[in-house]
Amino acid sequence: MALCDKRHSATQFALLSALAAVGRVYVGPVAGEMAASFGWSTFFFVTFLIALPGIALLAWQRARVEAIDGPPQE
């Protein structure tokens, strides 16, 4: 939420929350069928590749989020 525009934070939070539920609702049931048809090793490798852009985005935005949040509290 630190990256959201404060004027539109409720709307942005609602949209991002809905987007986060897509994987659970739509992709989850299909994943079992995909793993059964492709084999577990292939399925794992493909999902690993699909996750890499999201991990790269997190790494890219890390400094920005830390700057907004401030120093860690002890």
N, C-alpha and C. Protein backbone atom coordinates (compact mmCIF):
# COMPACT_ATOMS: atom_id res chain seq x y z
N MET A 1 0.82 -1.20 0.00
CA MET A 1 0.00 0.00 0.00
C MET A 1 0.86 1.26 0.00
N ALA A 2 2.10 1.14 0.38
CA ALA A 2 2.96 2.31 0.41
C ALA A 2 3.17 2.89 -0.99
N LEU A 3 3.05 2.08 -2.02
CA LEU A 3 3.24 2.55 -3.38
C LEU A 3 1.99 3.13 -4.00
N CYS A 4 0.84 2.98 -3.35
CA CYS A 4 -0.42 3.49 -3.89
C CYS A 4 -0.56 4.99 -3.67
N ASP A 5 -1.24 5.63 -4.59
CA ASP A 5 -1.56 7.05 -4.44
C ASP A 5 -2.56 7.20 -3.30
N LYS A 6 -2.27 8.05 -2.34
CA LYS A 6 -3.13 8.19 -1.15
C LYS A 6 -4.56 8.62 -1.50
N ARG A 7 -4.72 9.39 -2.57
CA ARG A 7 -6.06 9.83 -2.96
C ARG A 7 -6.92 8.68 -3.46
N HIS A 8 -6.30 7.66 -3.98
CA HIS A 8 -7.03 6.54 -4.58
C HIS A 8 -6.69 5.21 -3.91
N SER A 9 -6.22 5.25 -2.69
CA SER A 9 -5.72 4.03 -2.06
C SER A 9 -6.81 2.97 -1.88
N ALA A 10 -8.03 3.35 -1.56
CA ALA A 10 -9.09 2.36 -1.37
C ALA A 10 -9.40 1.64 -2.68
N THR A 11 -9.47 2.38 -3.77
CA THR A 11 -9.74 1.78 -5.07
C THR A 11 -8.60 0.87 -5.50
N GLN A 12 -7.37 1.36 -5.33
CA GLN A 12 -6.22 0.56 -5.72
C GLN A 12 -6.12 -0.70 -4.87
N PHE A 13 -6.40 -0.60 -3.57
CA PHE A 13 -6.37 -1.77 -2.71
C PHE A 13 -7.42 -2.79 -3.14
N ALA A 14 -8.62 -2.33 -3.46
CA ALA A 14 -9.69 -3.23 -3.88
C ALA A 14 -9.33 -3.94 -5.18
N LEU A 15 -8.78 -3.21 -6.13
CA LEU A 15 -8.41 -3.82 -7.41
C LEU A 15 -7.26 -4.81 -7.25
N LEU A 16 -6.26 -4.46 -6.46
CA LEU A 16 -5.13 -5.37 -6.25
C LEU A 16 -5.54 -6.60 -5.46
N SER A 17 -6.45 -6.45 -4.51
CA SER A 17 -6.95 -7.60 -3.76
C SER A 17 -7.74 -8.55 -4.67
N ALA A 18 -8.54 -7.97 -5.56
CA ALA A 18 -9.28 -8.80 -6.51
C ALA A 18 -8.34 -9.52 -7.46
N LEU A 19 -7.30 -8.84 -7.89
CA LEU A 19 -6.32 -9.46 -8.77
C LEU A 19 -5.58 -10.59 -8.07
N ALA A 20 -5.29 -10.43 -6.79
CA ALA A 20 -4.61 -11.48 -6.04
C ALA A 20 -5.47 -12.72 -5.89
N ALA A 21 -6.77 -12.58 -5.91
CA ALA A 21 -7.68 -13.72 -5.76
C ALA A 21 -7.82 -14.52 -7.05
N VAL A 22 -7.40 -13.99 -8.18
CA VAL A 22 -7.56 -14.68 -9.45
C VAL A 22 -6.84 -16.03 -9.43
N GLY A 23 -5.63 -16.05 -8.91
CA GLY A 23 -4.88 -17.30 -8.85
C GLY A 23 -5.55 -18.35 -8.01
N ARG A 24 -6.10 -17.95 -6.90
CA ARG A 24 -6.76 -18.90 -6.00
C ARG A 24 -8.05 -19.44 -6.60
N VAL A 25 -8.82 -18.59 -7.23
CA VAL A 25 -10.14 -18.98 -7.71
C VAL A 25 -10.09 -19.67 -9.07
N TYR A 26 -9.32 -19.14 -10.01
CA TYR A 26 -9.36 -19.65 -11.37
C TYR A 26 -8.20 -20.57 -11.72
N VAL A 27 -7.00 -20.26 -11.26
CA VAL A 27 -5.84 -21.05 -11.63
C VAL A 27 -5.70 -22.28 -10.74
N GLY A 28 -6.05 -22.17 -9.47
CA GLY A 28 -5.89 -23.28 -8.54
C GLY A 28 -6.53 -24.58 -8.99
N PRO A 29 -7.80 -24.59 -9.34
CA PRO A 29 -8.43 -25.85 -9.77
C PRO A 29 -7.82 -26.43 -11.05
N VAL A 30 -7.35 -25.58 -11.94
CA VAL A 30 -6.77 -26.04 -13.20
C VAL A 30 -5.36 -26.59 -12.99
N ALA A 31 -4.68 -26.12 -11.96
CA ALA A 31 -3.29 -26.50 -11.73
C ALA A 31 -3.14 -28.00 -11.52
N GLY A 32 -4.06 -28.62 -10.82
CA GLY A 32 -3.98 -30.06 -10.60
C GLY A 32 -4.08 -30.84 -11.90
N GLU A 33 -4.97 -30.43 -12.77
CA GLU A 33 -5.10 -31.08 -14.08
C GLU A 33 -3.85 -30.87 -14.92
N MET A 34 -3.28 -29.68 -14.85
CA MET A 34 -2.06 -29.40 -15.62
C MET A 34 -0.91 -30.25 -15.11
N ALA A 35 -0.76 -30.37 -13.79
CA ALA A 35 0.31 -31.18 -13.22
C ALA A 35 0.14 -32.65 -13.61
N ALA A 36 -1.10 -33.11 -13.64
CA ALA A 36 -1.35 -34.51 -14.01
C ALA A 36 -1.04 -34.76 -15.48
N SER A 37 -1.34 -33.80 -16.34
CA SER A 37 -1.13 -34.03 -17.77
C SER A 37 0.31 -33.77 -18.22
N PHE A 38 1.00 -32.79 -17.61
CA PHE A 38 2.37 -32.46 -18.02
C PHE A 38 3.41 -33.22 -17.23
N GLY A 39 3.05 -33.69 -16.05
CA GLY A 39 4.03 -34.28 -15.15
C GLY A 39 4.46 -33.23 -14.14
N TRP A 40 4.77 -33.69 -12.93
CA TRP A 40 5.06 -32.76 -11.85
C TRP A 40 6.31 -31.92 -12.13
N SER A 41 7.36 -32.53 -12.65
CA SER A 41 8.62 -31.80 -12.88
C SER A 41 8.44 -30.68 -13.90
N THR A 42 7.78 -30.97 -14.99
CA THR A 42 7.54 -29.96 -16.02
C THR A 42 6.63 -28.85 -15.49
N PHE A 43 5.58 -29.25 -14.77
CA PHE A 43 4.66 -28.26 -14.21
C PHE A 43 5.39 -27.34 -13.24
N PHE A 44 6.22 -27.90 -12.36
CA PHE A 44 6.97 -27.09 -11.41
C PHE A 44 7.89 -26.12 -12.12
N PHE A 45 8.60 -26.59 -13.14
CA PHE A 45 9.53 -25.73 -13.85
C PHE A 45 8.81 -24.59 -14.58
N VAL A 46 7.68 -24.89 -15.21
CA VAL A 46 6.91 -23.86 -15.92
C VAL A 46 6.38 -22.81 -14.94
N THR A 47 5.84 -23.25 -13.80
CA THR A 47 5.33 -22.28 -12.82
C THR A 47 6.47 -21.46 -12.22
N PHE A 48 7.65 -22.07 -12.07
CA PHE A 48 8.82 -21.33 -11.61
C PHE A 48 9.17 -20.22 -12.59
N LEU A 49 9.16 -20.53 -13.89
CA LEU A 49 9.46 -19.52 -14.91
C LEU A 49 8.41 -18.41 -14.94
N ILE A 50 7.16 -18.78 -14.73
CA ILE A 50 6.09 -17.79 -14.73
C ILE A 50 6.23 -16.84 -13.55
N ALA A 51 6.76 -17.32 -12.42
CA ALA A 51 6.90 -16.50 -11.22
C ALA A 51 8.10 -15.54 -11.29
N LEU A 52 9.06 -15.80 -12.14
CA LEU A 52 10.28 -14.97 -12.19
C LEU A 52 10.03 -13.48 -12.44
N PRO A 53 9.14 -13.07 -13.35
CA PRO A 53 8.90 -11.63 -13.51
C PRO A 53 8.39 -10.96 -12.24
N GLY A 54 7.53 -11.63 -11.49
CA GLY A 54 7.04 -11.06 -10.23
C GLY A 54 8.14 -10.90 -9.20
N ILE A 55 9.03 -11.87 -9.13
CA ILE A 55 10.16 -11.78 -8.20
C ILE A 55 11.10 -10.66 -8.62
N ALA A 56 11.32 -10.52 -9.92
CA ALA A 56 12.16 -9.42 -10.41
C ALA A 56 11.53 -8.08 -10.09
N LEU A 57 10.22 -7.97 -10.23
CA LEU A 57 9.52 -6.72 -9.90
C LEU A 57 9.68 -6.39 -8.42
N LEU A 58 9.58 -7.38 -7.55
CA LEU A 58 9.77 -7.14 -6.12
C LEU A 58 11.19 -6.64 -5.83
N ALA A 59 12.17 -7.27 -6.44
CA ALA A 59 13.56 -6.85 -6.24
C ALA A 59 13.78 -5.43 -6.76
N TRP A 60 13.16 -5.10 -7.90
CA TRP A 60 13.31 -3.79 -8.51
C TRP A 60 12.69 -2.69 -7.64
N GLN A 61 11.57 -2.98 -6.99
CA GLN A 61 10.85 -1.99 -6.19
C GLN A 61 11.25 -1.99 -4.71
N ARG A 62 12.13 -2.88 -4.30
CA ARG A 62 12.49 -3.01 -2.89
C ARG A 62 13.01 -1.70 -2.29
N ALA A 63 13.95 -1.06 -2.95
CA ALA A 63 14.53 0.18 -2.42
C ALA A 63 13.46 1.27 -2.29
N ARG A 64 12.56 1.34 -3.24
CA ARG A 64 11.50 2.35 -3.20
C ARG A 64 10.57 2.12 -2.02
N VAL A 65 10.20 0.88 -1.79
CA VAL A 65 9.30 0.56 -0.67
C VAL A 65 9.99 0.82 0.66
N GLU A 66 11.26 0.43 0.77
CA GLU A 66 11.99 0.68 2.00
C GLU A 66 12.14 2.17 2.28
N ALA A 67 12.32 2.97 1.24
CA ALA A 67 12.45 4.42 1.41
C ALA A 67 11.14 5.02 1.90
N ILE A 68 10.02 4.52 1.40
CA ILE A 68 8.72 5.03 1.82
C ILE A 68 8.40 4.62 3.25
N ASP A 69 8.70 3.36 3.58
CA ASP A 69 8.39 2.84 4.91
C ASP A 69 9.30 3.39 6.00
N GLY A 70 10.48 3.81 5.65
CA GLY A 70 11.41 4.32 6.65
C GLY A 70 12.32 3.23 7.17
N PRO A 71 13.19 3.59 8.12
CA PRO A 71 14.14 2.59 8.66
C PRO A 71 13.40 1.53 9.47
N PRO A 72 13.97 0.32 9.53
CA PRO A 72 13.32 -0.74 10.31
C PRO A 72 13.28 -0.40 11.80
N GLN A 73 12.19 -0.75 12.44
CA GLN A 73 12.02 -0.48 13.86
C GLN A 73 12.53 -1.67 14.66
N GLU A 74 13.20 -1.40 15.76
CA GLU A 74 13.71 -2.48 16.61
C GLU A 74 12.97 -2.54 17.90
